[in-house]
Amino acid sequence: MNYEINVKPIGIIHVEYSDEEIKNAWPGGVEGVIEVFPEYEEGLEGIDGFSHLLVIVWLHKVTMEQRKVLRIRHRRLVRYGVPLSELPEVGVFCSDSPHRPNPIGIDIVKLLRRDGRFLYVEGLDLFDGTPVLDIRALTPDMMPRKISVPNWYIRLREVDLP
């Protein structure tokens, strides 16, 4: 089957940080603003009062070459002193790497306040100008009660992060 999927952004991410500052803000992310385009503002009705949002974006800085990457190492941990050789090589679909066949990103952010069609949030892990494809209010029924992870992931989480 061959599908053609066309999506139109509903908004855009605004942050006052460089790409490098955002990369180095992990974990935790940065504050920023999600601008929802005027024609979609009505879709924000009722969003006030939710603490967190699920933001689906197009990772616009991923190159065509990076979209061919299917195996990665969790390189973020190198900055904390973990040698790259000690990081397991895993498939891209069990990571949050932006390098993937369809560079669709998912970010969970805390909603600080809404001002019309502008959502002020914290915890962004996205660059300035990132196109927003969808926004969903995060609700308790979306959260699994219990999850499990493989041993390699448990070992990565044992790294002492600042």
Protein backbone atom coordinates (compact mmCIF):
# COMPACT_ATOMS: atom_id res chain seq x y z
CA MET A 1 0.00 0.00 0.00
CA ASN A 2 1.19 3.46 -0.80
CA TYR A 3 -0.29 6.28 1.20
CA GLU A 4 0.21 9.96 0.74
CA ILE A 5 -0.36 11.85 3.95
CA ASN A 6 -0.64 15.60 3.93
CA VAL A 7 -0.67 17.57 7.15
CA LYS A 8 -0.94 21.27 7.74
CA PRO A 9 0.57 22.81 10.86
CA ILE A 10 -1.90 24.30 13.33
CA GLY A 11 0.72 26.43 15.03
CA ILE A 12 4.37 27.06 15.73
CA ILE A 13 6.77 26.88 18.68
CA HIS A 14 8.45 30.06 19.95
CA VAL A 15 11.42 29.88 22.33
CA GLU A 16 14.08 32.44 23.17
CA TYR A 17 16.90 29.91 23.28
CA SER A 18 19.42 28.68 20.74
CA ASP A 19 19.28 25.11 19.47
CA GLU A 20 22.34 24.28 21.60
CA GLU A 21 20.76 25.73 24.73
CA ILE A 22 17.66 23.61 24.15
CA LYS A 23 19.73 20.47 23.57
CA ASN A 24 21.57 21.14 26.84
CA ALA A 25 18.35 21.78 28.78
CA TRP A 26 17.63 18.04 28.96
CA PRO A 27 16.14 16.82 31.20
CA GLY A 28 13.61 19.50 32.02
CA GLY A 29 13.34 21.52 28.85
CA VAL A 30 12.74 25.24 28.53
CA GLU A 31 9.85 27.69 28.72
CA GLY A 32 8.24 28.86 25.54
CA VAL A 33 5.05 29.69 23.72
CA ILE A 34 2.91 27.59 21.43
CA GLU A 35 1.26 29.93 18.96
CA VAL A 36 -1.90 28.42 17.54
CA PHE A 37 -2.81 29.93 14.18
CA PRO A 38 -5.97 32.08 14.25
CA GLU A 39 -8.06 29.65 12.20
CA TYR A 40 -7.56 26.97 14.89
CA GLU A 41 -8.01 29.13 18.01
CA GLU A 42 -11.54 27.84 18.57
CA GLY A 43 -10.02 24.38 19.10
CA LEU A 44 -8.44 25.65 22.34
CA GLU A 45 -11.82 26.13 24.01
CA GLY A 46 -11.80 24.29 27.34
CA ILE A 47 -8.03 23.74 27.50
CA ASP A 48 -7.67 26.09 30.48
CA GLY A 49 -7.31 24.09 33.68
CA PHE A 50 -5.39 21.16 32.20
CA SER A 51 -1.95 20.96 33.75
CA HIS A 52 -0.16 19.24 30.87
CA LEU A 53 -0.40 19.04 27.09
CA LEU A 54 0.77 16.50 24.57
CA VAL A 55 2.25 18.44 21.64
CA ILE A 56 2.79 16.68 18.31
CA VAL A 57 5.23 18.41 15.98
CA TRP A 58 7.16 18.09 12.76
CA LEU A 59 10.90 18.05 13.51
CA HIS A 60 11.73 20.46 10.71
CA LYS A 61 15.51 20.41 11.15
CA VAL A 62 15.91 16.67 10.55
CA THR A 63 17.66 16.13 7.21
CA MET A 64 16.77 13.49 4.61
CA GLU A 65 19.99 11.68 5.53
CA GLN A 66 19.03 11.65 9.22
CA ARG A 67 15.64 10.19 8.26
CA LYS A 68 17.47 7.05 7.08
CA VAL A 69 18.83 6.33 10.58
CA LEU A 70 17.28 3.20 12.10
CA ARG A 71 19.73 2.43 14.92
CA ILE A 72 20.99 4.90 17.53
CA ARG A 73 22.81 5.27 20.82
CA HIS A 74 21.35 7.53 23.52
CA ARG A 75 24.03 10.17 22.96
CA ARG A 76 22.61 12.64 25.49
CA LEU A 77 24.29 10.60 28.21
CA VAL A 78 27.78 11.22 26.77
CA ARG A 79 27.70 14.75 28.20
CA TYR A 80 27.37 13.20 31.66
CA GLY A 81 30.53 11.15 31.24
CA VAL A 82 29.11 7.90 29.89
CA PRO A 83 31.43 6.65 27.13
CA LEU A 84 29.63 6.23 23.80
CA SER A 85 31.01 2.69 23.57
CA GLU A 86 29.09 1.77 26.74
CA LEU A 87 25.74 2.93 25.38
CA PRO A 88 23.71 0.18 23.74
CA GLU A 89 22.85 0.50 20.08
CA VAL A 90 19.07 0.20 19.77
CA GLY A 91 16.40 0.72 17.17
CA VAL A 92 15.19 4.27 16.67
CA PHE A 93 11.61 3.25 17.50
CA CYS A 94 12.54 2.65 21.15
CA SER A 95 14.12 6.08 21.54
CA ASP A 96 13.23 9.73 21.47
CA SER A 97 15.85 10.46 18.82
CA PRO A 98 14.71 13.03 16.27
CA HIS A 99 16.49 11.01 13.57
CA ARG A 100 13.73 8.76 12.27
CA PRO A 101 11.95 7.97 9.00
CA ASN A 102 9.08 10.37 9.75
CA PRO A 103 10.42 13.12 11.99
CA ILE A 104 7.32 13.47 14.10
CA GLY A 105 8.03 14.63 17.62
CA ILE A 106 5.96 14.30 20.76
CA ASP A 107 6.54 16.56 23.73
CA ILE A 108 4.70 16.64 27.05
CA VAL A 109 4.69 20.17 28.46
CA LYS A 110 3.22 21.91 31.48
CA LEU A 111 0.61 24.53 30.61
CA LEU A 112 1.41 27.67 32.59
CA ARG A 113 -1.31 29.88 31.13
CA ARG A 114 -3.30 30.66 28.02
CA ASP A 115 -3.58 34.09 26.44
CA GLY A 116 -6.03 33.75 23.57
CA ARG A 117 -4.34 31.58 20.97
CA PHE A 118 -0.99 31.59 22.77
CA LEU A 119 -0.15 28.80 25.19
CA TYR A 120 2.66 29.55 27.64
CA VAL A 121 4.36 26.30 28.59
CA GLU A 122 7.41 24.85 30.31
CA GLY A 123 9.30 21.66 29.62
CA LEU A 124 9.71 22.22 25.88
CA ASP A 125 12.34 20.14 24.14
CA LEU A 126 11.75 21.79 20.76
CA PHE A 127 13.52 24.37 18.66
CA ASP A 128 12.20 27.80 17.77
CA GLY A 129 10.06 27.62 14.66
CA THR A 130 9.04 23.97 15.08
CA PRO A 131 5.68 23.42 13.31
CA VAL A 132 2.92 22.12 15.59
CA LEU A 133 0.72 19.41 14.06
CA ASP A 134 -1.63 18.76 16.99
CA ILE A 135 -2.19 19.50 20.67
CA ARG A 136 -3.97 17.24 23.13
CA ALA A 137 -4.79 17.81 26.76
CA LEU A 138 -3.11 15.14 28.86
CA THR A 139 -5.67 13.31 30.97
CA PRO A 140 -5.24 10.62 33.65
CA ASP A 141 -6.87 7.98 31.45
CA MET A 142 -4.00 8.41 28.94
CA MET A 143 -1.48 7.37 31.55
CA PRO A 144 -0.74 3.64 31.85
CA ARG A 145 -0.95 2.32 35.38
CA LYS A 146 2.15 0.19 35.05
CA ILE A 147 4.83 0.09 32.40
CA SER A 148 7.87 -2.10 31.98
CA VAL A 149 11.15 -1.41 30.24
CA PRO A 150 14.06 -3.61 29.09
CA ASN A 151 17.19 -4.05 31.20
CA TRP A 152 19.30 -1.84 28.91
CA TYR A 153 16.93 1.05 29.64
CA ILE A 154 17.09 0.47 33.40
CA ARG A 155 20.90 0.64 33.20
CA LEU A 156 20.70 3.95 31.31
CA ARG A 157 18.40 5.41 33.97
CA GLU A 158 20.94 4.51 36.66
CA VAL A 159 23.32 7.14 35.26
CA ASP A 160 23.71 9.93 37.84
CA LEU A 161 22.33 13.00 36.09
CA PRO A 162 22.80 16.51 37.50
